[in-house]
N, C-alpha and C. Protein backbone atom coordinates (compact mmCIF):
# COMPACT_ATOMS: atom_id res chain seq x y z
N MET A 1 9.88 -48.56 -4.27
CA MET A 1 9.89 -47.31 -3.50
C MET A 1 10.61 -47.49 -2.16
N SER A 2 10.60 -48.72 -1.62
CA SER A 2 11.13 -48.93 -0.27
C SER A 2 12.65 -48.84 -0.22
N ASN A 3 13.33 -49.03 -1.35
CA ASN A 3 14.79 -49.00 -1.31
C ASN A 3 15.40 -47.77 -1.98
N LEU A 4 14.62 -46.70 -2.21
CA LEU A 4 15.16 -45.47 -2.79
C LEU A 4 15.96 -44.71 -1.75
N ARG A 5 17.13 -44.22 -2.12
CA ARG A 5 17.89 -43.35 -1.23
C ARG A 5 18.79 -42.44 -2.07
N PRO A 6 19.24 -41.30 -1.48
CA PRO A 6 20.09 -40.37 -2.23
C PRO A 6 21.40 -41.01 -2.67
N ALA A 7 22.02 -40.43 -3.71
CA ALA A 7 23.30 -40.93 -4.22
C ALA A 7 24.35 -40.83 -3.12
N LYS A 8 25.30 -41.73 -3.14
CA LYS A 8 26.34 -41.77 -2.11
C LYS A 8 27.16 -40.48 -2.15
N GLY A 9 27.31 -39.84 -1.00
CA GLY A 9 28.11 -38.61 -0.90
C GLY A 9 27.34 -37.34 -1.21
N SER A 10 26.06 -37.46 -1.58
CA SER A 10 25.31 -36.25 -1.94
C SER A 10 24.65 -35.58 -0.73
N VAL A 11 24.51 -36.31 0.37
CA VAL A 11 23.87 -35.76 1.56
C VAL A 11 24.87 -35.70 2.70
N LYS A 12 25.12 -34.47 3.21
CA LYS A 12 26.05 -34.31 4.33
C LYS A 12 25.26 -34.20 5.62
N LYS A 13 25.86 -34.65 6.72
CA LYS A 13 25.23 -34.47 8.02
C LYS A 13 25.44 -33.03 8.47
N GLY A 14 24.45 -32.45 9.14
CA GLY A 14 24.55 -31.08 9.63
C GLY A 14 25.54 -30.96 10.77
N LYS A 15 26.07 -29.77 11.04
CA LYS A 15 26.98 -29.54 12.16
C LYS A 15 26.17 -29.62 13.45
N ARG A 16 26.66 -30.42 14.40
CA ARG A 16 25.98 -30.49 15.70
C ARG A 16 26.70 -29.52 16.63
N LEU A 17 26.10 -28.35 16.81
CA LEU A 17 26.72 -27.28 17.58
C LEU A 17 26.30 -27.37 19.04
N GLY A 18 27.22 -26.95 19.91
CA GLY A 18 26.89 -26.86 21.33
C GLY A 18 26.60 -28.20 21.97
N ARG A 19 27.32 -29.26 21.58
CA ARG A 19 27.10 -30.59 22.16
C ARG A 19 28.34 -31.07 22.91
N GLY A 20 29.01 -30.15 23.58
CA GLY A 20 30.15 -30.51 24.43
C GLY A 20 31.49 -30.32 23.75
N GLN A 21 32.54 -30.25 24.60
CA GLN A 21 33.89 -29.97 24.10
C GLN A 21 34.41 -31.09 23.20
N GLY A 22 34.01 -32.29 23.43
CA GLY A 22 34.49 -33.42 22.66
C GLY A 22 34.08 -33.36 21.20
N SER A 23 33.01 -32.64 20.90
CA SER A 23 32.55 -32.56 19.51
C SER A 23 33.41 -31.60 18.69
N GLY A 24 34.19 -30.75 19.38
CA GLY A 24 34.99 -29.75 18.67
C GLY A 24 34.21 -28.48 18.39
N ARG A 25 32.89 -28.52 18.66
CA ARG A 25 32.05 -27.33 18.44
C ARG A 25 31.21 -27.02 19.69
N GLY A 26 31.81 -27.26 20.85
CA GLY A 26 31.14 -26.93 22.10
C GLY A 26 31.44 -25.50 22.47
N GLY A 27 31.20 -25.14 23.69
CA GLY A 27 31.55 -23.80 24.19
C GLY A 27 30.80 -22.70 23.47
N THR A 28 31.47 -22.02 22.56
CA THR A 28 30.83 -20.87 21.87
C THR A 28 30.06 -21.29 20.63
N SER A 29 30.11 -22.53 20.25
CA SER A 29 29.37 -23.06 19.09
C SER A 29 29.68 -22.29 17.80
N THR A 30 30.93 -22.01 17.58
CA THR A 30 31.48 -21.33 16.39
C THR A 30 31.05 -19.87 16.25
N ARG A 31 30.49 -19.29 17.34
CA ARG A 31 30.02 -17.90 17.26
C ARG A 31 31.07 -16.89 17.76
N GLY A 32 32.20 -17.35 18.28
CA GLY A 32 33.18 -16.43 18.83
C GLY A 32 32.75 -15.99 20.21
N HIS A 33 33.40 -14.97 20.77
CA HIS A 33 33.13 -14.54 22.13
C HIS A 33 32.37 -13.21 22.17
N LYS A 34 31.37 -13.15 23.01
CA LYS A 34 30.59 -11.94 23.32
C LYS A 34 30.06 -11.19 22.08
N GLY A 35 29.43 -10.09 22.30
CA GLY A 35 28.91 -9.27 21.21
C GLY A 35 27.55 -9.73 20.75
N ALA A 36 26.83 -8.84 20.03
CA ALA A 36 25.46 -9.11 19.61
C ALA A 36 25.36 -10.36 18.74
N LYS A 37 26.36 -10.59 17.90
CA LYS A 37 26.28 -11.72 16.96
C LYS A 37 26.40 -13.07 17.65
N SER A 38 26.89 -13.08 18.90
CA SER A 38 27.02 -14.35 19.61
C SER A 38 25.73 -14.71 20.35
N ARG A 39 24.81 -13.76 20.50
CA ARG A 39 23.61 -13.97 21.30
C ARG A 39 22.51 -14.68 20.51
N SER A 40 21.63 -15.35 21.25
CA SER A 40 20.47 -15.95 20.58
C SER A 40 19.50 -14.83 20.21
N GLY A 41 18.74 -15.02 19.13
CA GLY A 41 17.76 -14.00 18.72
C GLY A 41 18.34 -12.88 17.90
N TYR A 42 19.66 -12.92 17.66
CA TYR A 42 20.29 -11.84 16.87
C TYR A 42 19.89 -11.94 15.41
N SER A 43 19.46 -10.83 14.83
CA SER A 43 19.32 -10.74 13.37
C SER A 43 19.64 -9.31 13.00
N LYS A 44 20.55 -9.13 12.06
CA LYS A 44 21.00 -7.80 11.67
C LYS A 44 19.86 -7.05 11.00
N LYS A 45 19.59 -5.84 11.44
CA LYS A 45 18.54 -5.03 10.83
C LYS A 45 19.00 -4.56 9.45
N VAL A 46 18.06 -4.43 8.51
CA VAL A 46 18.39 -3.98 7.17
C VAL A 46 18.91 -2.55 7.25
N GLY A 47 20.09 -2.31 6.68
CA GLY A 47 20.66 -0.97 6.66
C GLY A 47 21.42 -0.60 7.93
N PHE A 48 21.54 -1.51 8.90
CA PHE A 48 22.27 -1.20 10.14
C PHE A 48 23.76 -1.08 9.85
N GLU A 49 24.36 -0.01 10.37
CA GLU A 49 25.78 0.24 10.12
C GLU A 49 26.56 0.35 11.42
N GLY A 50 26.28 -0.53 12.37
CA GLY A 50 27.03 -0.58 13.62
C GLY A 50 26.78 0.62 14.52
N GLY A 51 25.66 1.26 14.42
CA GLY A 51 25.34 2.41 15.26
C GLY A 51 25.60 3.74 14.57
N GLN A 52 26.43 3.74 13.53
CA GLN A 52 26.63 4.94 12.72
C GLN A 52 25.31 5.26 12.02
N MET A 53 25.04 6.55 11.80
CA MET A 53 23.78 6.94 11.14
C MET A 53 23.74 6.31 9.74
N PRO A 54 22.75 5.46 9.48
CA PRO A 54 22.73 4.74 8.20
C PRO A 54 22.51 5.64 6.99
N LEU A 55 22.96 5.14 5.85
CA LEU A 55 22.93 5.92 4.62
C LEU A 55 21.53 6.42 4.30
N GLN A 56 20.52 5.56 4.43
CA GLN A 56 19.17 5.97 4.05
C GLN A 56 18.60 7.04 4.98
N ARG A 57 19.22 7.25 6.14
CA ARG A 57 18.79 8.34 7.02
C ARG A 57 19.68 9.58 6.88
N ARG A 58 20.92 9.39 6.42
CA ARG A 58 21.84 10.53 6.21
C ARG A 58 21.46 11.34 4.98
N VAL A 59 21.02 10.63 3.92
CA VAL A 59 20.74 11.29 2.64
C VAL A 59 19.28 11.74 2.64
N PRO A 60 19.00 12.99 2.27
CA PRO A 60 17.62 13.47 2.32
C PRO A 60 16.74 12.83 1.25
N LYS A 61 15.42 12.89 1.50
CA LYS A 61 14.47 12.42 0.50
C LYS A 61 14.56 13.35 -0.70
N TYR A 62 14.37 12.78 -1.89
CA TYR A 62 14.50 13.60 -3.09
C TYR A 62 13.61 13.05 -4.18
N GLY A 63 12.90 13.92 -4.88
CA GLY A 63 12.19 13.52 -6.09
C GLY A 63 10.82 12.95 -5.84
N PHE A 64 10.26 12.39 -6.88
CA PHE A 64 8.89 11.91 -6.88
C PHE A 64 8.80 10.71 -7.80
N LYS A 65 8.14 9.65 -7.35
CA LYS A 65 7.98 8.44 -8.15
C LYS A 65 6.49 8.28 -8.43
N ASN A 66 6.12 8.44 -9.68
CA ASN A 66 4.73 8.28 -10.07
C ASN A 66 4.35 6.81 -9.95
N ILE A 67 3.30 6.52 -9.15
CA ILE A 67 2.93 5.12 -8.92
C ILE A 67 2.10 4.53 -10.04
N ASN A 68 1.53 5.36 -10.90
CA ASN A 68 0.81 4.82 -12.06
C ASN A 68 1.16 5.61 -13.33
N PRO A 69 2.40 5.40 -13.83
CA PRO A 69 2.83 6.14 -15.02
C PRO A 69 2.17 5.58 -16.28
N LYS A 70 2.06 6.45 -17.29
CA LYS A 70 1.58 5.98 -18.59
C LYS A 70 2.79 5.55 -19.40
N GLU A 71 2.83 4.29 -19.77
CA GLU A 71 3.93 3.79 -20.58
C GLU A 71 3.41 3.46 -21.96
N TYR A 72 4.00 4.12 -22.97
CA TYR A 72 3.57 3.95 -24.36
C TYR A 72 4.50 3.00 -25.10
N LYS A 73 3.95 2.25 -26.03
CA LYS A 73 4.75 1.46 -26.97
C LYS A 73 5.01 2.38 -28.16
N ALA A 74 6.26 2.64 -28.45
CA ALA A 74 6.62 3.57 -29.52
C ALA A 74 6.65 2.84 -30.86
N ILE A 75 5.96 3.41 -31.85
CA ILE A 75 5.98 2.86 -33.21
C ILE A 75 6.31 4.00 -34.16
N ASN A 76 7.30 3.80 -35.02
CA ASN A 76 7.75 4.84 -35.93
C ASN A 76 6.92 4.87 -37.22
N ILE A 77 6.97 6.03 -37.88
CA ILE A 77 6.29 6.24 -39.15
C ILE A 77 6.75 5.21 -40.19
N SER A 78 8.05 4.90 -40.17
CA SER A 78 8.60 3.94 -41.14
C SER A 78 7.94 2.57 -41.00
N THR A 79 7.62 2.18 -39.78
CA THR A 79 6.94 0.90 -39.52
C THR A 79 5.53 0.94 -40.11
N LEU A 80 4.84 2.07 -39.92
CA LEU A 80 3.49 2.24 -40.47
C LEU A 80 3.52 2.18 -42.00
N GLN A 81 4.55 2.80 -42.58
CA GLN A 81 4.72 2.79 -44.04
C GLN A 81 4.85 1.37 -44.56
N ASP A 82 5.72 0.58 -43.90
CA ASP A 82 5.92 -0.82 -44.30
C ASP A 82 4.64 -1.63 -44.15
N LEU A 83 3.93 -1.41 -43.06
CA LEU A 83 2.69 -2.14 -42.78
C LEU A 83 1.62 -1.80 -43.81
N ALA A 84 1.51 -0.50 -44.15
CA ALA A 84 0.52 -0.06 -45.13
C ALA A 84 0.82 -0.63 -46.52
N GLU A 85 2.11 -0.73 -46.87
CA GLU A 85 2.49 -1.30 -48.17
C GLU A 85 2.19 -2.80 -48.24
N GLN A 86 2.53 -3.51 -47.17
CA GLN A 86 2.32 -4.96 -47.15
C GLN A 86 0.84 -5.33 -47.22
N LEU A 87 0.01 -4.62 -46.42
CA LEU A 87 -1.41 -4.97 -46.33
C LEU A 87 -2.30 -4.09 -47.21
N ASN A 88 -1.67 -3.13 -47.92
CA ASN A 88 -2.39 -2.19 -48.80
C ASN A 88 -3.53 -1.49 -48.04
N LEU A 89 -3.15 -0.73 -47.00
CA LEU A 89 -4.11 -0.08 -46.11
C LEU A 89 -4.17 1.43 -46.31
N GLU A 90 -5.34 1.99 -46.01
CA GLU A 90 -5.53 3.45 -45.99
C GLU A 90 -5.66 3.93 -44.54
N LYS A 91 -6.11 3.01 -43.65
CA LYS A 91 -6.38 3.35 -42.26
C LYS A 91 -5.64 2.37 -41.35
N ILE A 92 -4.88 2.93 -40.39
CA ILE A 92 -4.18 2.07 -39.43
C ILE A 92 -4.68 2.44 -38.03
N ASP A 93 -5.31 1.46 -37.38
CA ASP A 93 -5.77 1.67 -36.01
C ASP A 93 -5.22 0.56 -35.12
N LEU A 94 -5.68 0.52 -33.87
CA LEU A 94 -5.14 -0.46 -32.92
C LEU A 94 -5.38 -1.91 -33.37
N SER A 95 -6.54 -2.18 -33.95
CA SER A 95 -6.84 -3.55 -34.36
C SER A 95 -5.84 -4.05 -35.41
N VAL A 96 -5.42 -3.16 -36.32
CA VAL A 96 -4.41 -3.53 -37.33
C VAL A 96 -3.07 -3.83 -36.66
N LEU A 97 -2.68 -2.97 -35.71
CA LEU A 97 -1.41 -3.15 -35.01
C LEU A 97 -1.41 -4.41 -34.14
N ILE A 98 -2.58 -4.74 -33.57
CA ILE A 98 -2.70 -5.95 -32.75
C ILE A 98 -2.58 -7.20 -33.62
N THR A 99 -3.28 -7.22 -34.76
CA THR A 99 -3.21 -8.39 -35.64
C THR A 99 -1.82 -8.55 -36.26
N ALA A 100 -1.12 -7.41 -36.47
CA ALA A 100 0.24 -7.48 -37.02
C ALA A 100 1.25 -7.90 -35.95
N GLY A 101 0.83 -7.90 -34.67
CA GLY A 101 1.70 -8.36 -33.58
C GLY A 101 2.60 -7.30 -32.99
N PHE A 102 2.33 -6.03 -33.28
CA PHE A 102 3.17 -4.96 -32.72
C PHE A 102 2.82 -4.65 -31.28
N VAL A 103 1.52 -4.74 -30.93
CA VAL A 103 1.07 -4.40 -29.59
C VAL A 103 0.05 -5.42 -29.09
N SER A 104 -0.24 -5.37 -27.78
CA SER A 104 -1.32 -6.18 -27.22
C SER A 104 -2.52 -5.26 -26.98
N LYS A 105 -3.64 -5.85 -26.58
CA LYS A 105 -4.87 -5.08 -26.43
C LYS A 105 -4.78 -3.95 -25.41
N SER A 106 -4.06 -4.19 -24.32
CA SER A 106 -4.01 -3.21 -23.23
C SER A 106 -2.91 -2.15 -23.41
N THR A 107 -2.11 -2.24 -24.47
CA THR A 107 -0.98 -1.34 -24.66
C THR A 107 -1.41 0.04 -25.16
N LEU A 108 -0.75 1.08 -24.61
CA LEU A 108 -0.93 2.43 -25.13
C LEU A 108 0.10 2.64 -26.24
N VAL A 109 -0.33 3.25 -27.35
CA VAL A 109 0.54 3.37 -28.52
C VAL A 109 0.86 4.84 -28.79
N LYS A 110 2.14 5.13 -29.03
CA LYS A 110 2.56 6.47 -29.43
C LYS A 110 3.27 6.36 -30.77
N ILE A 111 2.88 7.20 -31.72
CA ILE A 111 3.49 7.20 -33.04
C ILE A 111 4.60 8.24 -33.05
N LEU A 112 5.80 7.82 -33.46
CA LEU A 112 6.96 8.71 -33.53
C LEU A 112 7.34 8.98 -34.98
N GLY A 113 8.10 10.03 -35.20
CA GLY A 113 8.34 10.53 -36.55
C GLY A 113 9.56 10.05 -37.28
N ARG A 114 10.21 8.98 -36.86
CA ARG A 114 11.40 8.49 -37.58
C ARG A 114 10.98 7.79 -38.87
N GLY A 115 11.65 8.09 -39.94
CA GLY A 115 11.35 7.48 -41.24
C GLY A 115 10.52 8.42 -42.10
N THR A 116 10.13 7.93 -43.28
CA THR A 116 9.33 8.74 -44.19
C THR A 116 8.02 8.03 -44.51
N LEU A 117 7.02 8.85 -44.79
CA LEU A 117 5.70 8.33 -45.14
C LEU A 117 5.43 8.74 -46.58
N GLU A 118 5.04 7.78 -47.41
CA GLU A 118 4.84 8.07 -48.84
C GLU A 118 3.41 7.83 -49.31
N ARG A 119 2.49 7.65 -48.36
CA ARG A 119 1.09 7.47 -48.76
C ARG A 119 0.18 8.13 -47.74
N LYS A 120 -1.03 8.45 -48.19
CA LYS A 120 -2.02 9.08 -47.34
C LYS A 120 -2.58 8.03 -46.38
N LEU A 121 -2.47 8.31 -45.06
CA LEU A 121 -2.93 7.36 -44.06
C LEU A 121 -3.79 8.05 -43.01
N GLU A 122 -4.79 7.32 -42.53
CA GLU A 122 -5.55 7.75 -41.36
C GLU A 122 -5.04 6.88 -40.22
N VAL A 123 -4.36 7.52 -39.24
CA VAL A 123 -3.72 6.77 -38.16
C VAL A 123 -4.41 7.06 -36.84
N HIS A 124 -4.82 6.00 -36.14
CA HIS A 124 -5.45 6.12 -34.82
C HIS A 124 -4.47 5.62 -33.77
N ALA A 125 -4.17 6.44 -32.76
CA ALA A 125 -3.26 6.04 -31.68
C ALA A 125 -3.56 6.88 -30.44
N HIS A 126 -2.93 6.50 -29.33
CA HIS A 126 -3.15 7.21 -28.07
C HIS A 126 -2.36 8.51 -27.98
N ALA A 127 -1.23 8.59 -28.70
CA ALA A 127 -0.40 9.79 -28.67
C ALA A 127 0.45 9.87 -29.93
N PHE A 128 0.84 11.09 -30.29
CA PHE A 128 1.69 11.33 -31.48
C PHE A 128 2.76 12.34 -31.11
N SER A 129 3.95 12.19 -31.71
CA SER A 129 4.96 13.23 -31.56
C SER A 129 4.65 14.31 -32.61
N LYS A 130 5.22 15.50 -32.40
CA LYS A 130 4.98 16.60 -33.35
C LYS A 130 5.45 16.23 -34.75
N SER A 131 6.63 15.61 -34.82
CA SER A 131 7.18 15.26 -36.13
C SER A 131 6.32 14.21 -36.84
N ALA A 132 5.69 13.33 -36.07
CA ALA A 132 4.83 12.31 -36.66
C ALA A 132 3.57 12.95 -37.25
N ILE A 133 2.99 13.88 -36.51
CA ILE A 133 1.79 14.58 -37.00
C ILE A 133 2.12 15.35 -38.28
N GLU A 134 3.27 16.04 -38.28
CA GLU A 134 3.70 16.79 -39.47
C GLU A 134 3.86 15.87 -40.67
N ALA A 135 4.49 14.70 -40.46
CA ALA A 135 4.74 13.76 -41.56
C ALA A 135 3.43 13.20 -42.11
N ILE A 136 2.47 12.91 -41.22
CA ILE A 136 1.18 12.36 -41.65
C ILE A 136 0.39 13.42 -42.41
N GLU A 137 0.37 14.65 -41.87
CA GLU A 137 -0.40 15.72 -42.51
C GLU A 137 0.24 16.22 -43.80
N ALA A 138 1.55 16.03 -43.95
CA ALA A 138 2.24 16.41 -45.18
C ALA A 138 1.75 15.56 -46.36
N GLN A 139 1.30 14.33 -46.07
CA GLN A 139 0.76 13.44 -47.11
C GLN A 139 -0.77 13.53 -47.19
N LYS A 140 -1.35 14.58 -46.60
CA LYS A 140 -2.79 14.83 -46.57
C LYS A 140 -3.55 13.77 -45.76
N GLY A 141 -2.84 13.12 -44.82
CA GLY A 141 -3.46 12.11 -43.96
C GLY A 141 -3.98 12.75 -42.67
N THR A 142 -4.54 11.94 -41.79
CA THR A 142 -5.04 12.45 -40.51
C THR A 142 -4.51 11.62 -39.36
N ALA A 143 -4.22 12.31 -38.26
CA ALA A 143 -3.74 11.67 -37.04
C ALA A 143 -4.85 11.80 -36.00
N VAL A 144 -5.48 10.68 -35.63
CA VAL A 144 -6.60 10.70 -34.68
C VAL A 144 -6.14 10.19 -33.34
N ILE A 145 -6.30 11.06 -32.30
CA ILE A 145 -5.90 10.68 -30.94
C ILE A 145 -7.08 9.97 -30.27
N LEU A 146 -6.83 8.78 -29.73
CA LEU A 146 -7.88 8.00 -29.06
C LEU A 146 -8.13 8.52 -27.67
């Protein structure tokens, strides 16, 4: 441990600023002459545009951002059809979808109407599209909203 050191050439020495004219970086210490950027304590404010009215103050506030939106995992009728055929099911609820790996426990599920349904199913989900309800009821099945 006593003789460990970085690889040769991998560590550079830092610039020694403001240490006299002989160093080549005395005087203004590479900051140029005058102005806010040459002063100590300077840090550019976020959105500052040199005194011009900044963009975020020129443009008016607009719209609304819902801080707790409901986000659904969309599952199509065709997926339910395939799942029912593979597992030979009459009823599809969240536990079936979780074990099949389509959703997690905390996910909200919405059934959409893409594809065709060829068997009578009882489907439990948080939301359904109109076309999905029509497709399920056309096969004499039921769509149960949780």
